[in-house]
């Protein structure tokens, strides 16, 4: 038997799914310059992408394990901080993801514009 989830739960789940892929791309883009966790979160937030520490640090660890990032512990302002940067592999993967993203957004724009026209024309028919 299929259980139908409430619309809000479905929307929330799909929003999280959409956001996950976007976060990876945003983090890789930001890490073309070296950052430690706090400055990375701040840089992303300043550009409109808020991210919780509980999301960021596991993502950084995963990307490093996949060989996309390098990290180095250093002391700054009398505190040890872990600095992250794209690895050579990370640069290559980022470039491929960026090209894929450009293709997807272009296709989605065409699809969504077509969908908006269909919705607009059906609204006109409904009003008559």
Protein backbone atom coordinates (compact mmCIF):
# COMPACT_ATOMS: atom_id res chain seq x y z
CA UNK A 1 0.00 0.00 0.00
CA UNK A 2 1.34 3.41 -0.97
CA UNK A 3 1.32 6.10 1.67
CA UNK A 4 0.75 9.58 0.33
CA UNK A 5 2.76 12.17 2.22
CA UNK A 6 1.34 15.60 2.97
CA UNK A 7 2.26 18.18 0.33
CA UNK A 8 4.41 20.12 2.80
CA UNK A 9 6.53 17.04 3.58
CA UNK A 10 7.00 16.25 -0.10
CA UNK A 11 7.97 19.85 -0.87
CA UNK A 12 10.40 19.93 2.07
CA UNK A 13 12.04 16.68 1.01
CA UNK A 14 12.42 17.81 -2.60
CA UNK A 15 13.75 21.20 -1.48
CA UNK A 16 16.45 19.47 0.60
CA UNK A 17 17.36 17.28 -2.36
CA UNK A 18 17.66 20.30 -4.66
CA UNK A 19 19.68 22.22 -2.07
CA UNK A 20 22.21 19.41 -1.47
CA UNK A 21 23.54 19.44 -5.01
CA UNK A 22 23.65 23.22 -5.04
CA UNK A 23 25.64 23.32 -1.80
CA UNK A 24 28.38 21.13 -3.25
CA UNK A 25 28.74 23.42 -6.25
CA UNK A 26 28.73 26.54 -4.06
CA UNK A 27 31.36 25.15 -1.67
CA UNK A 28 33.62 24.09 -4.54
CA UNK A 29 33.26 27.54 -6.12
CA UNK A 30 34.07 29.32 -2.86
CA UNK A 31 37.08 27.10 -2.18
CA UNK A 32 38.91 28.30 -5.25
CA UNK A 33 40.24 30.62 -2.55
CA UNK A 34 41.45 29.23 0.76
CA UNK A 35 39.01 29.40 3.68
CA UNK A 36 38.54 27.87 7.08
CA UNK A 37 35.04 26.85 8.13
CA UNK A 38 33.87 30.13 9.63
CA UNK A 39 35.10 32.30 6.75
CA UNK A 40 33.62 29.87 4.23
CA UNK A 41 30.20 30.01 5.91
CA UNK A 42 30.45 33.79 6.04
CA UNK A 43 31.43 34.08 2.35
CA UNK A 44 28.53 31.86 1.30
CA UNK A 45 26.05 33.69 3.55
CA UNK A 46 27.15 37.07 2.15
CA UNK A 47 26.15 35.76 -1.27
CA UNK A 48 22.77 34.55 -0.03
CA UNK A 49 23.49 30.92 0.81
CA UNK A 50 23.14 30.22 4.53
CA UNK A 51 24.51 26.93 5.78
CA UNK A 52 24.55 25.39 9.24
CA UNK A 53 27.83 24.13 10.68
CA UNK A 54 26.20 20.72 11.01
CA UNK A 55 25.83 20.71 7.22
CA UNK A 56 29.11 22.35 6.26
CA UNK A 57 31.68 20.33 8.20
CA UNK A 58 30.46 16.86 7.15
CA UNK A 59 30.33 18.14 3.56
CA UNK A 60 33.92 19.41 3.80
CA UNK A 61 35.08 16.06 5.22
CA UNK A 62 33.28 14.16 2.44
CA UNK A 63 34.71 16.37 -0.31
CA UNK A 64 38.20 15.97 1.17
CA UNK A 65 37.78 12.18 1.37
CA UNK A 66 36.75 12.22 -2.30
CA UNK A 67 39.99 14.02 -3.11
CA UNK A 68 38.34 17.29 -4.15
CA UNK A 69 39.79 19.37 -1.31
CA UNK A 70 43.06 19.66 0.52
CA UNK A 71 43.26 20.94 4.06
CA UNK A 72 45.95 22.15 6.39
CA UNK A 73 45.94 22.94 10.11
CA UNK A 74 47.55 26.30 10.90
CA UNK A 75 47.62 28.69 13.79
CA UNK A 76 45.99 32.06 13.21
CA UNK A 77 45.10 34.60 15.90
CA UNK A 78 46.49 32.15 18.49
CA UNK A 79 43.99 29.47 17.43
CA UNK A 80 44.47 26.37 15.32
CA UNK A 81 42.25 26.45 12.24
CA UNK A 82 41.80 24.03 9.40
CA UNK A 83 42.13 25.75 6.04
CA UNK A 84 40.51 24.20 2.96
CA UNK A 85 41.18 24.69 -0.74
CA UNK A 86 40.31 22.91 -3.98
CA UNK A 87 42.78 20.21 -4.97
CA UNK A 88 43.85 19.78 -8.60
CA UNK A 89 41.20 17.05 -8.90
CA UNK A 90 38.70 19.39 -7.27
CA UNK A 91 39.37 22.07 -9.89
CA UNK A 92 38.77 19.55 -12.70
CA UNK A 93 35.58 18.23 -11.10
CA UNK A 94 34.36 21.77 -10.37
CA UNK A 95 34.83 22.76 -14.02
CA UNK A 96 32.85 19.69 -15.16
CA UNK A 97 30.08 20.35 -12.63
CA UNK A 98 29.93 24.00 -13.67
CA UNK A 99 29.50 23.01 -17.33
CA UNK A 100 26.80 20.50 -16.36
CA UNK A 101 25.08 23.14 -14.22
CA UNK A 102 25.09 25.62 -17.12
CA UNK A 103 23.48 23.05 -19.40
CA UNK A 104 20.90 22.08 -16.81
CA UNK A 105 19.92 25.65 -15.98
CA UNK A 106 19.58 26.48 -19.66
CA UNK A 107 17.32 23.47 -20.24
CA UNK A 108 15.34 24.15 -17.07
CA UNK A 109 14.83 27.76 -18.08
CA UNK A 110 13.32 26.66 -21.40
CA UNK A 111 11.13 24.05 -19.68
CA UNK A 112 9.96 26.40 -16.93
CA UNK A 113 9.25 29.25 -19.36
CA UNK A 114 7.16 26.87 -21.46
CA UNK A 115 5.37 25.67 -18.33
CA UNK A 116 4.66 29.26 -17.26
CA UNK A 117 3.12 30.02 -20.67
CA UNK A 118 0.91 26.93 -20.42
CA UNK A 119 -0.20 27.91 -16.91
CA UNK A 120 -0.90 31.47 -18.02
CA UNK A 121 -2.97 30.33 -21.02
CA UNK A 122 -4.95 27.86 -18.90
CA UNK A 123 -5.69 30.64 -16.40
CA UNK A 124 -7.12 32.75 -19.24
CA UNK A 125 -9.29 29.85 -20.43
CA UNK A 126 -10.52 29.22 -16.87
CA UNK A 127 -11.57 32.87 -16.44
CA UNK A 128 -13.74 32.83 -19.57
